[in-house]
Each structure stands twice: as C-alpha cells, then as structure tokens.
Amino acid sequence: MNTEMKRTLAIATFAVVFGVLVAVLKGGDAGLRDSLGNVSAPWLLLPYFAGTGSRGLLRGAALGLSACLAALLGFYVAESVVLDLGPHPWLTDLALTLSAGRIYFTAALISGPVMGAIGGAFERRTLVSAVVVGLTLMGEPLVVFLYQASHGIDPGESGMVIGYPVLWIGEVVLGFVLSAAMLARRSRSTAVITGTVRR
C-alpha cells in the first residue's frame, strides 16, 4: 500500500470515528448535548483538513468529499443504535436514520469538495488555515443568528446552538484562540527561517 492510499484510508477511518463520536455525544434527547452535537463548524473543517497536503485542488476535493460522506455514514449508523426509534429491527432503524439524513448527504456533495479543494489549493499554508478555522468557528453563530432573525425564531426556544450562550460564545472564543495560535506559530516559524529569532 503506497503513501497516498494509506493517507486516504487514515482520513476515511478518522472521519468515520468522528461521525460516530458526534452521534454518541449528541445522544437521543433534546438539550445541551443535542445542541452541541448540532454544531456545524467541525463538519466543514473536517473536509478542509482532509484536503490539506493533498497536492492539488482536485485531489483535495475528492478527499474532502470522501471524508464528509464517511463521517455522515458513521454518524447515521451510530444514530441507528443511539436513538430509540421504536420496536424495529436494526436494519429498519438504519434505513430510517439514513433517510432522515438525506439532506445532509446532499449538502456534503457541495461542502465536502469545496472545502477539500480549498485545503488542497492552499496546502499547508498556515495563514489560510488560520483564516478558515477562524471564519468557520466564529462565523457559525452569526449565520445562525441571521437565519433565526430572518425567520422570526426565538433563540431561547430554538433548541439550536444559539439557545445556549455558553456554546456559541465558546465557539467564537475557540475560533479566535485557534486562529491566533496558528498565526503566532506561523510568525515564529517565519522568524526562524529568516534568522530574526535569536537564541
């Protein structure tokens, strides 16, 4: 097995495990865990980072798509076990969860290749990664706020991330901290390369 195949297999395995863990974290009840499991930013960052280091836009798009689909498959297979869908055989539960996730599989056909292609086009460029991570994490609450405002949804009753201030504030803070850390690391690496850092 060559290096590219090993990397592709590692990405797919990580994606499946990611999906399963999100399903377990989300659980089967409404509330804080459910809202935490519904945070979208990690699902966009997964294909982006799958595409980084892929040496090309098309390869990045393919890896991003496969990562998204593998993660969704892991998520909905785990959901068929985690959720109480009634007295059905497991295969019926699996069919129900997969059917409920059709919209997300469809969305993944767009978001996976797009984010993966961005990762592939700017492979291992810390500045781009810092911007992508920051915009994704800090931007999600803003997008949800705007969506809810335009649809007249009360944030406190929505059951979404915005209904729990600790979640959306934490997401914004995490995005800022991660971006700042990546930029600081980039600045230090640049300084070392140019010889401006003295020991």
Protein backbone atom coordinates (compact mmCIF):
# COMPACT_ATOMS: atom_id res chain seq x y z
CA MET A 1 0.00 0.00 0.00
CA ASN A 2 1.53 3.32 -1.07
CA THR A 3 1.63 6.52 0.98
CA GLU A 4 -1.38 8.13 -0.74
CA MET A 5 -3.56 5.07 -0.16
CA LYS A 6 -2.51 4.94 3.49
CA ARG A 7 -3.34 8.62 3.91
CA THR A 8 -6.74 8.19 2.22
CA LEU A 9 -7.55 5.21 4.45
CA ALA A 10 -6.44 7.13 7.55
CA ILE A 11 -8.67 10.09 6.61
CA ALA A 12 -11.68 7.83 5.98
CA THR A 13 -11.13 5.99 9.28
CA PHE A 14 -10.78 9.25 11.21
CA ALA A 15 -13.94 10.58 9.52
CA VAL A 16 -16.00 7.51 10.45
CA VAL A 17 -14.80 7.69 14.07
CA PHE A 18 -15.58 11.42 14.12
CA GLY A 19 -19.14 10.76 12.92
CA VAL A 20 -19.69 8.01 15.50
CA LEU A 21 -18.38 10.18 18.35
CA VAL A 22 -20.63 13.09 17.35
CA ALA A 23 -23.67 10.77 17.33
CA VAL A 24 -22.80 9.42 20.78
CA LEU A 25 -22.17 12.94 22.10
CA LYS A 26 -25.46 14.17 20.65
CA GLY A 27 -27.43 11.37 22.25
CA GLY A 28 -31.15 10.91 21.82
CA ASP A 29 -32.63 13.72 23.90
CA ALA A 30 -33.12 17.43 23.30
CA GLY A 31 -30.99 19.85 25.32
CA LEU A 32 -27.40 20.95 25.63
CA ARG A 33 -25.89 17.71 24.32
CA ASP A 34 -28.19 17.75 21.31
CA SER A 35 -27.24 21.35 20.51
CA LEU A 36 -23.53 20.60 20.96
CA GLY A 37 -23.90 17.68 18.57
CA ASN A 38 -25.55 20.02 16.06
CA VAL A 39 -22.58 22.41 15.83
CA SER A 40 -21.80 22.59 12.12
CA ALA A 41 -18.28 24.05 12.06
CA PRO A 42 -16.44 20.74 12.66
CA TRP A 43 -18.29 19.23 9.69
CA LEU A 44 -16.85 21.96 7.46
CA LEU A 45 -13.36 21.84 8.93
CA LEU A 46 -13.16 18.05 8.51
CA PRO A 47 -13.10 18.12 4.67
CA TYR A 48 -10.88 21.21 4.66
CA PHE A 49 -8.15 19.49 6.69
CA ALA A 50 -8.68 16.26 4.74
CA GLY A 51 -7.77 18.23 1.62
CA THR A 52 -4.66 19.91 3.02
CA GLY A 53 -1.44 18.31 1.94
CA SER A 54 -3.16 16.63 -1.00
CA ARG A 55 -1.04 18.47 -3.57
CA GLY A 56 -3.84 19.73 -5.74
CA LEU A 57 -7.32 21.13 -5.96
CA LEU A 58 -8.98 18.04 -7.49
CA ARG A 59 -7.31 15.62 -5.10
CA GLY A 60 -8.31 17.87 -2.21
CA ALA A 61 -11.91 17.96 -3.45
CA ALA A 62 -12.02 14.16 -3.68
CA LEU A 63 -10.58 13.73 -0.17
CA GLY A 64 -12.96 16.36 1.22
CA LEU A 65 -15.96 14.62 -0.30
CA SER A 66 -14.90 11.17 0.89
CA ALA A 67 -14.24 12.50 4.41
CA CYS A 68 -17.69 14.09 4.57
CA LEU A 69 -19.51 11.02 3.30
CA ALA A 70 -17.56 8.67 5.58
CA ALA A 71 -18.30 10.88 8.61
CA LEU A 72 -22.00 11.05 7.78
CA LEU A 73 -22.16 7.29 7.29
CA GLY A 74 -20.50 6.76 10.68
CA PHE A 75 -22.86 9.28 12.26
CA TYR A 76 -26.09 7.77 10.94
CA VAL A 77 -25.05 4.17 11.59
CA ALA A 78 -24.31 5.19 15.20
CA GLU A 79 -27.60 7.14 15.36
CA SER A 80 -29.48 3.97 14.41
CA VAL A 81 -28.12 2.44 17.62
CA VAL A 82 -28.22 5.51 19.89
CA LEU A 83 -31.75 6.67 19.08
CA ASP A 84 -34.86 4.88 20.31
CA LEU A 85 -36.86 4.62 17.09
CA GLY A 86 -39.31 2.05 18.31
CA PRO A 87 -39.59 -1.75 18.17
CA HIS A 88 -37.95 -2.22 14.78
CA PRO A 89 -35.21 -4.48 13.52
CA TRP A 90 -31.86 -2.67 13.42
CA LEU A 91 -31.87 -2.56 9.61
CA THR A 92 -35.17 -0.65 9.72
CA ASP A 93 -33.68 1.81 12.22
CA LEU A 94 -30.66 2.22 9.95
CA ALA A 95 -32.90 2.88 6.95
CA LEU A 96 -34.82 5.48 8.97
CA THR A 97 -31.72 7.36 10.09
CA LEU A 98 -30.14 7.30 6.63
CA SER A 99 -33.40 8.56 5.13
CA ALA A 100 -33.57 11.37 7.70
CA GLY A 101 -30.03 12.40 6.77
CA ARG A 102 -30.62 12.68 3.01
CA ILE A 103 -30.44 16.48 3.08
CA TYR A 104 -27.03 16.34 4.79
CA PHE A 105 -25.65 13.80 2.34
CA THR A 106 -26.83 16.11 -0.45
CA ALA A 107 -25.20 19.12 1.24
CA ALA A 108 -21.98 17.12 1.63
CA LEU A 109 -21.81 16.76 -2.14
CA ILE A 110 -21.18 20.51 -2.22
CA SER A 111 -19.46 21.36 1.08
CA GLY A 112 -17.08 18.38 1.02
CA PRO A 113 -15.48 19.05 -2.37
CA VAL A 114 -15.48 22.84 -1.90
CA MET A 115 -13.76 22.77 1.50
CA GLY A 116 -11.45 19.95 0.43
CA ALA A 117 -10.49 21.86 -2.72
CA ILE A 118 -9.65 24.94 -0.66
CA GLY A 119 -7.46 22.78 1.55
CA GLY A 120 -5.79 21.22 -1.48
CA ALA A 121 -5.27 24.52 -3.27
CA PHE A 122 -3.55 26.10 -0.28
CA GLU A 123 -1.82 23.03 1.09
CA ARG A 124 -0.08 23.58 4.40
CA ARG A 125 -0.39 27.36 4.33
CA THR A 126 -0.88 28.30 7.95
CA LEU A 127 -2.30 31.73 7.16
CA VAL A 128 -5.12 30.25 5.05
CA SER A 129 -5.84 27.59 7.67
CA ALA A 130 -6.00 30.23 10.41
CA VAL A 131 -8.49 32.24 8.37
CA VAL A 132 -10.61 29.18 7.51
CA VAL A 133 -10.69 27.97 11.13
CA GLY A 134 -11.47 31.44 12.46
CA LEU A 135 -14.20 32.24 9.95
CA THR A 136 -15.82 28.83 10.30
CA LEU A 137 -15.96 28.77 14.10
CA MET A 138 -16.62 32.46 14.69
CA GLY A 139 -18.95 32.77 11.71
CA GLU A 140 -21.36 29.94 12.53
CA PRO A 141 -23.13 31.73 15.43
CA LEU A 142 -23.52 34.84 13.27
CA VAL A 143 -25.04 32.84 10.42
CA VAL A 144 -27.45 31.11 12.83
CA PHE A 145 -28.39 34.46 14.42
CA LEU A 146 -29.17 35.91 10.98
CA TYR A 147 -31.13 32.83 9.94
CA GLN A 148 -33.22 32.88 13.09
CA ALA A 149 -33.84 36.62 12.88
CA SER A 150 -34.97 36.35 9.26
CA HIS A 151 -37.37 33.51 10.14
CA GLY A 152 -38.69 35.02 13.39
CA ILE A 153 -37.28 32.21 15.54
CA ASP A 154 -36.82 32.93 19.25
CA PRO A 155 -33.19 31.97 20.07
CA GLY A 156 -34.18 30.82 23.55
CA GLU A 157 -36.72 28.36 22.21
CA SER A 158 -34.94 27.16 19.11
CA GLY A 159 -33.04 24.27 20.70
CA MET A 160 -30.12 25.24 18.49
CA VAL A 161 -26.61 26.35 19.39
CA ILE A 162 -27.75 29.95 19.86
CA GLY A 163 -30.19 28.83 22.55
CA TYR A 164 -27.19 28.06 24.77
CA PRO A 165 -24.93 31.13 25.15
CA VAL A 166 -22.12 29.02 26.60
CA LEU A 167 -21.97 27.11 23.29
CA TRP A 168 -21.90 29.97 20.84
CA ILE A 169 -19.65 32.14 23.00
CA GLY A 170 -17.36 29.15 23.47
CA GLU A 171 -17.34 28.53 19.71
CA VAL A 172 -16.38 32.15 18.98
CA VAL A 173 -13.66 32.12 21.66
CA LEU A 174 -12.31 28.78 20.39
CA GLY A 175 -12.18 30.12 16.84
CA PHE A 176 -10.30 33.23 17.96
CA VAL A 177 -7.85 31.30 20.13
CA LEU A 178 -7.07 28.66 17.50
CA SER A 179 -6.60 31.26 14.77
CA ALA A 180 -4.37 33.39 16.98
CA ALA A 181 -2.30 30.35 17.96
CA MET A 182 -1.86 29.32 14.34
CA LEU A 183 -0.84 32.84 13.32
CA ALA A 184 1.60 33.09 16.23
CA ARG A 185 3.16 29.78 15.25
CA ARG A 186 3.40 30.96 11.65
CA SER A 187 5.09 34.20 12.70
CA ARG A 188 7.61 32.32 14.82
CA SER A 189 8.35 29.84 12.02
CA THR A 190 8.85 32.70 9.56
CA ALA A 191 11.13 34.47 12.01
CA VAL A 192 13.23 31.33 12.48
CA ILE A 193 13.54 30.81 8.74
CA THR A 194 14.60 34.41 8.12
CA GLY A 195 17.02 34.28 11.05
CA THR A 196 15.39 37.03 13.10
CA VAL A 197 14.86 34.83 16.15
CA ARG A 198 17.98 34.66 18.27
CA ARG A 199 18.57 32.13 20.99
